[in-house]
Structure formats: structure tokens, C-alpha cells
């Protein structure tokens, strides 16, 4: 493969990767927004009262899963009164920032 073709391939890959990188959130901003999340998601083995629901720990969770879940709570596709109320306060940017924050943690940070 010629040098020019290699450079074009690298440029094309980089160009298509830009939107994915731009969509990733800011973990520092996400930490500020996610402060209230620790009230439930930061307590080991926390179970809320009604309906009985084991609250998952979020440190080290998948970026896509967190984004999808928060958007699903916000749209009403996924149901839980507390999470719907929390998600309805978040913009798309907020959701990506919160996801970036939790991804930056490890499962050990959940302990």
C-alpha cells in the first residue's frame, strides 16, 4: 500500500472516530452532577423500600449502559419513580458526563 493510501486510510479512520470521542462526557463535571447518585448507588447492598429493588453500584459500569439507562428513565421507557425524577433533571450532556464519571471509577471504588 502506498504512503498516500495509508495516510488516507488513517485520516478516514480518525475522521469517523471524532464524533464518538466528542460524545464522551467529562468525568470531572460528571462527578459534580453525580453527587446525589451516591445517596443510593454509593451504599453497599442498598435496597430501597418500595418496590423492593436492589440498587446497583455504578463504579466501572459500561458507558453505553449508563447512557442508555438514564435516557430510558428520562423517556419513561424504563420505570422507577426515583430514577425517572432524577433522569428528568439531566440534559444529554449531563448524562454523558455522569456516565464518564462512573466509567472512570473501578468496581473496587464501589466497596
PDB file of N, CA and C in Angstrom:
ATOM      1  N   UNK A   1       0.867  -1.177   0.000  1.00  0.00           N
ATOM      2  CA  UNK A   1       0.000   0.000   0.000  1.00  0.00           C
ATOM      3  C   UNK A   1       0.907   1.231   0.000  1.00  0.00           C
ATOM      4  N   UNK A   2       0.580   2.160  -0.856  1.00  0.00           N
ATOM      5  CA  UNK A   2       1.414   3.358  -0.953  1.00  0.00           C
ATOM      6  C   UNK A   2       1.239   4.238   0.287  1.00  0.00           C
ATOM      7  N   UNK A   3       2.206   5.101   0.485  1.00  0.00           N
ATOM      8  CA  UNK A   3       2.172   6.019   1.630  1.00  0.00           C
ATOM      9  C   UNK A   3       0.927   6.900   1.581  1.00  0.00           C
ATOM     10  N   UNK A   4       0.554   7.365   0.404  1.00  0.00           N
ATOM     11  CA  UNK A   4      -0.623   8.224   0.256  1.00  0.00           C
ATOM     12  C   UNK A   4      -1.891   7.475   0.665  1.00  0.00           C
ATOM     13  N   UNK A   5      -2.018   6.223   0.231  1.00  0.00           N
ATOM     14  CA  UNK A   5      -3.194   5.423   0.594  1.00  0.00           C
ATOM     15  C   UNK A   5      -3.243   5.199   2.107  1.00  0.00           C
ATOM     16  N   UNK A   6      -2.102   4.917   2.698  1.00  0.00           N
ATOM     17  CA  UNK A   6      -2.048   4.718   4.154  1.00  0.00           C
ATOM     18  C   UNK A   6      -2.499   5.976   4.892  1.00  0.00           C
ATOM     19  N   UNK A   7      -2.011   7.116   4.415  1.00  0.00           N
ATOM     20  CA  UNK A   7      -2.385   8.381   5.057  1.00  0.00           C
ATOM     21  C   UNK A   7      -3.879   8.639   4.911  1.00  0.00           C
ATOM     22  N   UNK A   8      -4.447   8.310   3.748  1.00  0.00           N
ATOM     23  CA  UNK A   8      -5.884   8.488   3.538  1.00  0.00           C
ATOM     24  C   UNK A   8      -6.696   7.564   4.447  1.00  0.00           C
ATOM     25  N   UNK A   9      -6.244   6.329   4.604  1.00  0.00           N
ATOM     26  CA  UNK A   9      -6.935   5.386   5.491  1.00  0.00           C
ATOM     27  C   UNK A   9      -6.886   5.885   6.933  1.00  0.00           C
ATOM     28  N   UNK A  10      -5.730   6.308   7.388  1.00  0.00           N
ATOM     29  CA  UNK A  10      -5.591   6.832   8.750  1.00  0.00           C
ATOM     30  C   UNK A  10      -6.468   8.065   8.942  1.00  0.00           C
ATOM     31  N   UNK A  11      -6.479   8.954   7.963  1.00  0.00           N
ATOM     32  CA  UNK A  11      -7.308  10.165   8.055  1.00  0.00           C
ATOM     33  C   UNK A  11      -8.788   9.812   8.105  1.00  0.00           C
ATOM     34  N   UNK A  12      -9.208   8.840   7.302  1.00  0.00           N
ATOM     35  CA  UNK A  12     -10.620   8.434   7.291  1.00  0.00           C
ATOM     36  C   UNK A  12     -11.018   7.830   8.630  1.00  0.00           C
ATOM     37  N   UNK A  13     -10.178   6.969   9.180  1.00  0.00           N
ATOM     38  CA  UNK A  13     -10.470   6.362  10.483  1.00  0.00           C
ATOM     39  C   UNK A  13     -10.557   7.439  11.553  1.00  0.00           C
ATOM     40  N   UNK A  14      -9.626   8.362  11.550  1.00  0.00           N
ATOM     41  CA  UNK A  14      -9.632   9.449  12.536  1.00  0.00           C
ATOM     42  C   UNK A  14     -10.874  10.313  12.391  1.00  0.00           C
ATOM     43  N   UNK A  15     -11.269  10.582  11.166  1.00  0.00           N
ATOM     44  CA  UNK A  15     -12.447  11.412  10.921  1.00  0.00           C
ATOM     45  C   UNK A  15     -13.709  10.753  11.459  1.00  0.00           C
ATOM     46  N   UNK A  16     -13.852   9.447  11.251  1.00  0.00           N
ATOM     47  CA  UNK A  16     -15.037   8.746  11.741  1.00  0.00           C
ATOM     48  C   UNK A  16     -15.000   8.558  13.252  1.00  0.00           C
ATOM     49  N   UNK A  17     -13.838   8.575  13.855  1.00  0.00           N
ATOM     50  CA  UNK A  17     -13.725   8.414  15.307  1.00  0.00           C
ATOM     51  C   UNK A  17     -14.045   9.701  16.053  1.00  0.00           C
ATOM     52  N   UNK A  18     -13.950  10.847  15.400  1.00  0.00           N
ATOM     53  CA  UNK A  18     -14.189  12.127  16.076  1.00  0.00           C
ATOM     54  C   UNK A  18     -15.558  12.233  16.731  1.00  0.00           C
ATOM     55  N   UNK A  19     -16.663  11.892  16.057  1.00  0.00           N
ATOM     56  CA  UNK A  19     -17.963  12.014  16.725  1.00  0.00           C
ATOM     57  C   UNK A  19     -18.056  11.159  17.980  1.00  0.00           C
ATOM     58  N   UNK A  20     -17.490   9.954  17.949  1.00  0.00           N
ATOM     59  CA  UNK A  20     -17.545   9.090  19.130  1.00  0.00           C
ATOM     60  C   UNK A  20     -16.770   9.713  20.285  1.00  0.00           C
ATOM     61  N   UNK A  21     -15.611  10.294  19.993  1.00  0.00           N
ATOM     62  CA  UNK A  21     -14.830  10.931  21.041  1.00  0.00           C
ATOM     63  C   UNK A  21     -15.522  12.178  21.563  1.00  0.00           C
ATOM     64  N   UNK A  22     -16.126  12.951  20.671  1.00  0.00           N
ATOM     65  CA  UNK A  22     -16.786  14.190  21.071  1.00  0.00           C
ATOM     66  C   UNK A  22     -17.978  13.910  21.972  1.00  0.00           C
ATOM     67  N   UNK A  23     -18.609  12.744  21.794  1.00  0.00           N
ATOM     68  CA  UNK A  23     -19.784  12.413  22.573  1.00  0.00           C
ATOM     69  C   UNK A  23     -19.424  11.980  23.993  1.00  0.00           C
ATOM     70  N   UNK A  24     -18.212  11.516  24.209  1.00  0.00           N
ATOM     71  CA  UNK A  24     -17.808  11.089  25.545  1.00  0.00           C
ATOM     72  C   UNK A  24     -17.890  12.269  26.485  1.00  0.00           C
ATOM     73  N   UNK A  25     -18.345  11.995  27.689  1.00  0.00           N
ATOM     74  CA  UNK A  25     -18.536  13.064  28.655  1.00  0.00           C
ATOM     75  C   UNK A  25     -17.281  13.459  29.401  1.00  0.00           C
ATOM     76  N   UNK A  26     -17.437  14.449  30.255  1.00  0.00           N
ATOM     77  CA  UNK A  26     -16.375  14.993  31.096  1.00  0.00           C
ATOM     78  C   UNK A  26     -16.539  14.406  32.500  1.00  0.00           C
ATOM     79  N   UNK A  27     -15.638  13.513  32.922  1.00  0.00           N
ATOM     80  CA  UNK A  27     -15.796  12.866  34.221  1.00  0.00           C
ATOM     81  C   UNK A  27     -15.740  13.830  35.411  1.00  0.00           C
ATOM     82  N   UNK A  28     -14.982  14.921  35.291  1.00  0.00           N
ATOM     83  CA  UNK A  28     -14.919  15.883  36.406  1.00  0.00           C
ATOM     84  C   UNK A  28     -16.259  16.580  36.586  1.00  0.00           C
ATOM     85  N   UNK A  29     -16.855  16.996  35.489  1.00  0.00           N
ATOM     86  CA  UNK A  29     -18.183  17.617  35.566  1.00  0.00           C
ATOM     87  C   UNK A  29     -19.203  16.568  36.021  1.00  0.00           C
ATOM     88  N   UNK A  30     -19.051  15.350  35.526  1.00  0.00           N
ATOM     89  CA  UNK A  30     -19.949  14.262  35.911  1.00  0.00           C
ATOM     90  C   UNK A  30     -19.909  13.967  37.397  1.00  0.00           C
ATOM     91  N   UNK A  31     -18.727  14.093  38.017  1.00  0.00           N
ATOM     92  CA  UNK A  31     -18.608  13.855  39.459  1.00  0.00           C
ATOM     93  C   UNK A  31     -19.450  14.846  40.248  1.00  0.00           C
ATOM     94  N   UNK A  32     -19.486  16.091  39.783  1.00  0.00           N
ATOM     95  CA  UNK A  32     -20.306  17.106  40.465  1.00  0.00           C
ATOM     96  C   UNK A  32     -21.791  16.791  40.332  1.00  0.00           C
ATOM     97  N   UNK A  33     -22.202  16.384  39.141  1.00  0.00           N
ATOM     98  CA  UNK A  33     -23.611  16.075  38.897  1.00  0.00           C
ATOM     99  C   UNK A  33     -24.017  14.802  39.634  1.00  0.00           C
ATOM    100  N   UNK A  34     -23.127  13.812  39.669  1.00  0.00           N
ATOM    101  CA  UNK A  34     -23.434  12.502  40.250  1.00  0.00           C
ATOM    102  C   UNK A  34     -23.375  12.487  41.770  1.00  0.00           C
ATOM    103  N   UNK A  35     -23.102  13.616  42.375  1.00  0.00           N
ATOM    104  CA  UNK A  35     -23.017  13.672  43.839  1.00  0.00           C
ATOM    105  C   UNK A  35     -24.268  13.084  44.492  1.00  0.00           C
ATOM    106  N   UNK A  36     -25.443  13.438  43.986  1.00  0.00           N
ATOM    107  CA  UNK A  36     -26.686  12.931  44.585  1.00  0.00           C
ATOM    108  C   UNK A  36     -26.877  11.440  44.334  1.00  0.00           C
ATOM    109  N   UNK A  37     -26.262  10.906  43.293  1.00  0.00           N
ATOM    110  CA  UNK A  37     -26.407   9.481  42.975  1.00  0.00           C
ATOM    111  C   UNK A  37     -25.863   8.605  44.104  1.00  0.00           C
ATOM    112  N   UNK A  38     -24.829   9.099  44.778  1.00  0.00           N
ATOM    113  CA  UNK A  38     -24.192   8.296  45.824  1.00  0.00           C
ATOM    114  C   UNK A  38     -25.113   8.062  47.016  1.00  0.00           C
ATOM    115  N   UNK A  39     -26.173   8.852  47.136  1.00  0.00           N
ATOM    116  CA  UNK A  39     -27.134   8.648  48.218  1.00  0.00           C
ATOM    117  C   UNK A  39     -27.764   7.271  48.187  1.00  0.00           C
ATOM    118  N   UNK A  40     -27.887   6.692  47.003  1.00  0.00           N
ATOM    119  CA  UNK A  40     -28.414   5.327  46.864  1.00  0.00           C
ATOM    120  C   UNK A  40     -27.360   4.388  46.279  1.00  0.00           C
ATOM    121  N   UNK A  41     -26.707   4.828  45.203  1.00  0.00           N
ATOM    122  CA  UNK A  41     -25.769   3.965  44.496  1.00  0.00           C
ATOM    123  C   UNK A  41     -24.423   3.860  45.196  1.00  0.00           C
ATOM    124  N   UNK A  42     -24.205   4.630  46.248  1.00  0.00           N
ATOM    125  CA  UNK A  42     -22.940   4.578  46.965  1.00  0.00           C
ATOM    126  C   UNK A  42     -22.999   3.776  48.255  1.00  0.00           C
ATOM    127  N   UNK A  43     -24.140   3.146  48.517  1.00  0.00           N
ATOM    128  CA  UNK A  43     -24.314   2.381  49.755  1.00  0.00           C
ATOM    129  C   UNK A  43     -24.257   0.892  49.416  1.00  0.00           C
ATOM    130  N   UNK A  44     -23.264   0.167  49.933  1.00  0.00           N
ATOM    131  CA  UNK A  44     -23.178  -1.265  49.635  1.00  0.00           C
ATOM    132  C   UNK A  44     -24.448  -2.010  50.048  1.00  0.00           C
ATOM    133  N   UNK A  45     -24.958  -2.846  49.155  1.00  0.00           N
ATOM    134  CA  UNK A  45     -26.125  -3.708  49.398  1.00  0.00           C
ATOM    135  C   UNK A  45     -27.390  -2.921  49.715  1.00  0.00           C
ATOM    136  N   UNK A  46     -27.490  -1.690  49.209  1.00  0.00           N
ATOM    137  CA  UNK A  46     -28.670  -0.855  49.473  1.00  0.00           C
ATOM    138  C   UNK A  46     -29.893  -1.424  48.759  1.00  0.00           C
ATOM    139  N   UNK A  47     -31.011  -1.464  49.472  1.00  0.00           N
ATOM    140  CA  UNK A  47     -32.291  -1.881  48.911  1.00  0.00           C
ATOM    141  C   UNK A  47     -33.277  -0.788  49.257  1.00  0.00           C
ATOM    142  N   UNK A  48     -33.991  -0.268  48.237  1.00  0.00           N
ATOM    143  CA  UNK A  48     -34.966   0.766  48.563  1.00  0.00           C
ATOM    144  C   UNK A  48     -36.240   0.124  49.100  1.00  0.00           C
ATOM    145  N   UNK A  49     -37.117   0.938  49.661  1.00  0.00           N
ATOM    146  CA  UNK A  49     -38.262   0.429  50.401  1.00  0.00           C
ATOM    147  C   UNK A  49     -39.357  -0.121  49.498  1.00  0.00           C
ATOM    148  N   UNK A  50     -39.877   0.677  48.595  1.00  0.00           N
ATOM    149  CA  UNK A  50     -40.971   0.195  47.761  1.00  0.00           C
ATOM    150  C   UNK A  50     -40.847   0.752  46.366  1.00  0.00           C
ATOM    151  N   UNK A  51     -40.938  -0.036  45.358  1.00  0.00           N
ATOM    152  CA  UNK A  51     -40.911  -1.503  45.439  1.00  0.00           C
ATOM    153  C   UNK A  51     -39.508  -1.961  45.801  1.00  0.00           C
ATOM    154  N   UNK A  52     -39.403  -3.127  46.380  1.00  0.00           N
ATOM    155  CA  UNK A  52     -38.095  -3.628  46.788  1.00  0.00           C
ATOM    156  C   UNK A  52     -37.223  -3.787  45.549  1.00  0.00           C
ATOM    157  N   UNK A  53     -36.101  -3.126  45.561  1.00  0.00           N
ATOM    158  CA  UNK A  53     -35.218  -3.097  44.400  1.00  0.00           C
ATOM    159  C   UNK A  53     -33.789  -2.950  44.882  1.00  0.00           C
ATOM    160  N   UNK A  54     -32.945  -3.895  44.509  1.00  0.00           N
ATOM    161  CA  UNK A  54     -31.529  -3.796  44.869  1.00  0.00           C
ATOM    162  C   UNK A  54     -30.893  -2.709  44.014  1.00  0.00           C
ATOM    163  N   UNK A  55     -30.301  -1.745  44.660  1.00  0.00           N
ATOM    164  CA  UNK A  55     -29.708  -0.603  43.961  1.00  0.00           C
ATOM    165  C   UNK A  55     -28.307  -0.990  43.491  1.00  0.00           C
ATOM    166  N   UNK A  56     -28.063  -0.933  42.186  1.00  0.00           N
ATOM    167  CA  UNK A  56     -26.751  -1.352  41.679  1.00  0.00           C
ATOM    168  C   UNK A  56     -25.660  -0.324  41.954  1.00  0.00           C
ATOM    169  N   UNK A  57     -24.455  -0.825  42.136  1.00  0.00           N
ATOM    170  CA  UNK A  57     -23.278   0.031  42.227  1.00  0.00           C
ATOM    171  C   UNK A  57     -22.889   0.400  40.799  1.00  0.00           C
ATOM    172  N   UNK A  58     -22.406   1.599  40.590  1.00  0.00           N
ATOM    173  CA  UNK A  58     -22.163   2.074  39.228  1.00  0.00           C
ATOM    174  C   UNK A  58     -20.694   2.221  38.851  1.00  0.00           C
ATOM    175  N   UNK A  59     -19.789   2.144  39.818  1.00  0.00           N
ATOM    176  CA  UNK A  59     -18.369   2.268  39.513  1.00  0.00           C
ATOM    177  C   UNK A  59     -17.907   1.182  38.555  1.00  0.00           C
ATOM    178  N   UNK A  60     -17.281   1.582  37.455  1.00  0.00           N
ATOM    179  CA  UNK A  60     -16.772   0.629  36.484  1.00  0.00           C
ATOM    180  C   UNK A  60     -17.828   0.093  35.527  1.00  0.00           C
ATOM    181  N   UNK A  61     -19.047   0.572  35.638  1.00  0.00           N
ATOM    182  CA  UNK A  61     -20.122   0.132  34.743  1.00  0.00           C
ATOM    183  C   UNK A  61     -19.836   0.618  33.321  1.00  0.00           C
ATOM    184  N   UNK A  62     -20.446   0.023  32.349  1.00  0.00           N
ATOM    185  CA  UNK A  62     -20.243   0.383  30.944  1.00  0.00           C
ATOM    186  C   UNK A  62     -20.840   1.750  30.620  1.00  0.00           C
ATOM    187  N   UNK A  63     -20.088   2.534  29.852  1.00  0.00           N
ATOM    188  CA  UNK A  63     -20.514   3.876  29.445  1.00  0.00           C
ATOM    189  C   UNK A  63     -21.861   3.816  28.720  1.00  0.00           C
ATOM    190  N   UNK A  64     -21.955   2.932  27.744  1.00  0.00           N
ATOM    191  CA  UNK A  64     -23.180   2.814  26.958  1.00  0.00           C
ATOM    192  C   UNK A  64     -24.377   2.416  27.794  1.00  0.00           C
ATOM    193  N   UNK A  65     -24.158   1.516  28.747  1.00  0.00           N
ATOM    194  CA  UNK A  65     -25.250   1.066  29.614  1.00  0.00           C
ATOM    195  C   UNK A  65     -25.793   2.226  30.448  1.00  0.00           C
ATOM    196  N   UNK A  66     -24.906   3.020  31.020  1.00  0.00           N
ATOM    197  CA  UNK A  66     -25.345   4.147  31.855  1.00  0.00           C
ATOM    198  C   UNK A  66     -26.095   5.172  31.013  1.00  0.00           C
ATOM    199  N   UNK A  67     -25.550   5.516  29.852  1.00  0.00           N
ATOM    200  CA  UNK A  67     -26.213   6.486  28.973  1.00  0.00           C
ATOM    201  C   UNK A  67     -27.586   5.964  28.570  1.00  0.00           C
ATOM    202  N   UNK A  68     -27.640   4.712  28.110  1.00  0.00           N
ATOM    203  CA  UNK A  68     -28.912   4.130  27.671  1.00  0.00           C
ATOM    204  C   UNK A  68     -29.924   4.096  28.820  1.00  0.00           C
ATOM    205  N   UNK A  69     -29.483   3.680  29.995  1.00  0.00           N
ATOM    206  CA  UNK A  69     -30.393   3.574  31.141  1.00  0.00           C
ATOM    207  C   UNK A  69     -30.952   4.927  31.549  1.00  0.00           C
ATOM    208  N   UNK A  70     -30.096   5.932  31.660  1.00  0.00           N
ATOM    209  CA  UNK A  70     -30.579   7.257  32.061  1.00  0.00           C
ATOM    210  C   UNK A  70     -31.539   7.844  31.030  1.00  0.00           C
ATOM    211  N   UNK A  71     -31.239   7.642  29.754  1.00  0.00           N
ATOM    212  CA  UNK A  71     -32.152   8.142  28.717  1.00  0.00           C
ATOM    213  C   UNK A  71     -33.472   7.376  28.744  1.00  0.00           C
ATOM    214  N   UNK A  72     -33.414   6.082  29.041  1.00  0.00           N
ATOM    215  CA  UNK A  72     -34.642   5.280  29.125  1.00  0.00           C
ATOM    216  C   UNK A  72     -35.489   5.709  30.322  1.00  0.00           C
ATOM    217  N   UNK A  73     -34.860   6.011  31.451  1.00  0.00           N
ATOM    218  CA  UNK A  73     -35.614   6.533  32.609  1.00  0.00           C
ATOM    219  C   UNK A  73     -36.216   7.892  32.265  1.00  0.00           C
ATOM    220  N   UNK A  74     -35.454   8.726  31.599  1.00  0.00           N
ATOM    221  CA  UNK A  74     -35.920  10.069  31.255  1.00  0.00           C
ATOM    222  C   UNK A  74     -37.116  10.016  30.302  1.00  0.00           C
ATOM    223  N   UNK A  75     -37.114   9.075  29.375  1.00  0.00           N
ATOM    224  CA  UNK A  75     -38.205   8.979  28.399  1.00  0.00           C
ATOM    225  C   UNK A  75     -39.411   8.213  28.938  1.00  0.00           C
ATOM    226  N   UNK A  76     -39.239   7.527  30.077  1.00  0.00           N
ATOM    227  CA  UNK A  76     -40.323   6.715  30.624  1.00  0.00           C
ATOM    228  C   UNK A  76     -40.322   5.291  30.092  1.00  0.00           C
ATOM    229  N   UNK A  77     -39.361   4.972  29.225  1.00  0.00           N
ATOM    230  CA  UNK A  77     -39.243   3.617  28.683  1.00  0.00           C
ATOM    231  C   UNK A  77     -38.884   2.630  29.799  1.00  0.00           C
ATOM    232  N   UNK A  78     -38.101   3.096  30.748  1.00  0.00           N
ATOM    233  CA  UNK A  78     -37.712   2.293  31.905  1.00  0.00           C
ATOM    234  C   UNK A  78     -38.349   2.943  33.117  1.00  0.00           C
ATOM    235  N   UNK A  79     -38.933   2.129  34.013  1.00  0.00           N
ATOM    236  CA  UNK A  79     -39.742   2.682  35.091  1.00  0.00           C
ATOM    237  C   UNK A  79     -39.112   2.484  36.479  1.00  0.00           C
ATOM    238  N   UNK A  80     -38.965   3.561  37.179  1.00  0.00           N
ATOM    239  CA  UNK A  80     -38.639   3.597  38.607  1.00  0.00           C
ATOM    240  C   UNK A  80     -38.788   5.064  38.989  1.00  0.00           C
ATOM    241  N   UNK A  81     -39.714   5.354  39.884  1.00  0.00           N
ATOM    242  CA  UNK A  81     -40.083   6.745  40.170  1.00  0.00           C
ATOM    243  C   UNK A  81     -38.885   7.631  40.523  1.00  0.00           C
ATOM    244  N   UNK A  82     -38.022   7.161  41.394  1.00  0.00           N
ATOM    245  CA  UNK A  82     -36.875   7.973  41.809  1.00  0.00           C
ATOM    246  C   UNK A  82     -35.930   8.217  40.639  1.00  0.00           C
ATOM    247  N   UNK A  83     -35.638   7.158  39.886  1.00  0.00           N
ATOM    248  CA  UNK A  83     -34.721   7.307  38.756  1.00  0.00           C
ATOM    249  C   UNK A  83     -35.335   8.158  37.646  1.00  0.00           C
ATOM    250  N   UNK A  84     -36.627   8.043  37.428  1.00  0.00           N
ATOM    251  CA  UNK A  84     -37.279   8.887  36.421  1.00  0.00           C
ATOM    252  C   UNK A  84     -37.159  10.356  36.822  1.00  0.00           C
ATOM    253  N   UNK A  85     -37.404  10.639  38.097  1.00  0.00           N
ATOM    254  CA  UNK A  85     -37.311  12.024  38.578  1.00  0.00           C
ATOM    255  C   UNK A  85     -35.886  12.556  38.435  1.00  0.00           C
ATOM    256  N   UNK A  86     -34.904  11.745  38.791  1.00  0.00           N
ATOM    257  CA  UNK A  86     -33.506  12.173  38.667  1.00  0.00           C
ATOM    258  C   UNK A  86     -33.125  12.376  37.203  1.00  0.00           C
ATOM    259  N   UNK A  87     -33.471  11.420  36.351  1.00  0.00           N
ATOM    260  CA  UNK A  87     -33.089  11.492  34.938  1.00  0.00           C
ATOM    261  C   UNK A  87     -33.759  12.667  34.232  1.00  0.00           C
ATOM    262  N   UNK A  88     -34.954  13.028  34.664  1.00  0.00           N
ATOM    263  CA  UNK A  88     -35.658  14.149  34.032  1.00  0.00           C
ATOM    264  C   UNK A  88     -34.986  15.491  34.290  1.00  0.00           C
ATOM    265  N   UNK A  89     -34.075  15.548  35.243  1.00  0.00           N
ATOM    266  CA  UNK A  89     -33.347  16.795  35.507  1.00  0.00           C
ATOM    267  C   UNK A  89     -32.076  16.896  34.666  1.00  0.00           C
ATOM    268  N   UNK A  90     -31.731  15.835  33.933  1.00  0.00           N
ATOM    269  CA  UNK A  90     -30.456  15.765  33.219  1.00  0.00           C
ATOM    270  C   UNK A  90     -30.598  16.064  31.732  1.00  0.00           C
ATOM    271  N   UNK A  91     -29.689  16.875  31.219  1.00  0.00           N
ATOM    272  CA  UNK A  91     -29.594  17.099  29.772  1.00  0.00           C
ATOM    273  C   UNK A  91     -28.793  15.937  29.176  1.00  0.00           C
ATOM    274  N   UNK A  92     -28.751  15.855  27.850  1.00  0.00           N
ATOM    275  CA  UNK A  92     -27.922  14.829  27.213  1.00  0.00           C
ATOM    276  C   UNK A  92     -26.460  14.980  27.630  1.00  0.00           C
ATOM    277  N   UNK A  93     -25.975  16.216  27.695  1.00  0.00           N
ATOM    278  CA  UNK A  93     -24.586  16.444  28.114  1.00  0.00           C
ATOM    279  C   UNK A  93     -24.381  15.941  29.544  1.00  0.00           C
ATOM    280  N   UNK A  94     -25.335  16.250  30.442  1.00  0.00           N
ATOM    281  CA  UNK A  94     -25.235  15.782  31.824  1.00  0.00           C
ATOM    282  C   UNK A  94     -25.131  14.261  31.875  1.00  0.00           C
ATOM    283  N   UNK A  95     -25.964  13.589  31.092  1.00  0.00           N
ATOM    284  CA  UNK A  95     -25.973  12.123  31.078  1.00  0.00           C
ATOM    285  C   UNK A  95     -24.614  11.589  30.634  1.00  0.00           C
ATOM    286  N   UNK A  96     -24.047  12.157  29.595  1.00  0.00           N
ATOM    287  CA  UNK A  96     -22.733  11.700  29.121  1.00  0.00           C
ATOM    288  C   UNK A  96     -21.643  12.000  30.147  1.00  0.00           C
ATOM    289  N   UNK A  97     -21.746  13.118  30.839  1.00  0.00           N
ATOM    290  CA  UNK A  97     -20.754  13.453  31.867  1.00  0.00           C
ATOM    291  C   UNK A  97     -20.858  12.506  33.061  1.00  0.00           C
ATOM    292  N   UNK A  98     -22.074  12.201  33.487  1.00  0.00           N
ATOM    293  CA  UNK A  98     -22.275  11.262  34.599  1.00  0.00           C
ATOM    294  C   UNK A  98     -21.739   9.884  34.211  1.00  0.00           C
ATOM    295  N   UNK A  99     -22.036   9.448  32.993  1.00  0.00           N
ATOM    296  CA  UNK A  99     -21.534   8.151  32.530  1.00  0.00           C
ATOM    297  C   UNK A  99     -20.007   8.133  32.524  1.00  0.00           C
ATOM    298  N   UNK A 100     -19.396   9.209  32.052  1.00  0.00           N
ATOM    299  CA  UNK A 100     -17.930   9.281  32.022  1.00  0.00           C
ATOM    300  C   UNK A 100     -17.356   9.202  33.435  1.00  0.00           C
ATOM    301  N   UNK A 101     -18.032   9.816  34.391  1.00  0.00           N
ATOM    302  CA  UNK A 101     -17.568   9.761  35.776  1.00  0.00           C
ATOM    303  C   UNK A 101     -17.611   8.327  36.306  1.00  0.00           C
ATOM    304  N   UNK A 102     -18.749   7.651  36.154  1.00  0.00           N
ATOM    305  CA  UNK A 102     -18.859   6.297  36.697  1.00  0.00           C
ATOM    306  C   UNK A 102     -17.926   5.320  35.990  1.00  0.00           C
ATOM    307  N   UNK A 103     -17.697   5.510  34.700  1.00  0.00           N
ATOM    308  CA  UNK A 103     -16.752   4.665  33.970  1.00  0.00           C
ATOM    309  C   UNK A 103     -15.335   4.871  34.496  1.00  0.00           C
ATOM    310  N   UNK A 104     -15.032   6.081  34.966  1.00  0.00           N
ATOM    311  CA  UNK A 104     -13.684   6.368  35.466  1.00  0.00           C
ATOM    312  C   UNK A 104     -13.408   5.682  36.801  1.00  0.00           C
ATOM    313  N   UNK A 105     -14.456   5.227  37.470  1.00  0.00           N
ATOM    314  CA  UNK A 105     -14.297   4.503  38.730  1.00  0.00           C
ATOM    315  C   UNK A 105     -14.075   3.027  38.426  1.00  0.00           C
ATOM    316  N   UNK A 106     -13.620   2.300  39.415  1.00  0.00           N
ATOM    317  CA  UNK A 106     -13.475   0.854  39.254  1.00  0.00           C
ATOM    318  C   UNK A 106     -14.494   0.164  40.137  1.00  0.00           C
ATOM    319  N   UNK A 107     -14.669  -1.119  39.921  1.00  0.00           N
ATOM    320  CA  UNK A 107     -15.588  -1.885  40.764  1.00  0.00           C
ATOM    321  C   UNK A 107     -15.139  -1.812  42.224  1.00  0.00           C
ATOM    322  N   UNK A 108     -13.829  -1.714  42.456  1.00  0.00           N
ATOM    323  CA  UNK A 108     -13.317  -1.616  43.826  1.00  0.00           C
ATOM    324  C   UNK A 108     -13.748  -0.310  44.488  1.00  0.00           C
ATOM    325  N   UNK A 109     -13.973   0.738  43.680  1.00  0.00           N
ATOM    326  CA  UNK A 109     -14.442   2.009  44.237  1.00  0.00           C
ATOM    327  C   UNK A 109     -15.845   1.874  44.811  1.00  0.00           C
ATOM    328  N   UNK A 110     -16.533   0.792  44.469  1.00  0.00           N
ATOM    329  CA  UNK A 110     -17.882   0.552  44.971  1.00  0.00           C
ATOM    330  C   UNK A 110     -17.886   0.034  46.396  1.00  0.00           C
ATOM    331  N   UNK A 111     -16.756  -0.459  46.849  1.00  0.00           N
ATOM    332  CA  UNK A 111     -16.711  -1.068  48.192  1.00  0.00           C
ATOM    333  C   UNK A 111     -16.740  -0.031  49.283  1.00  0.00           C
TER     334      UNK A 111
END
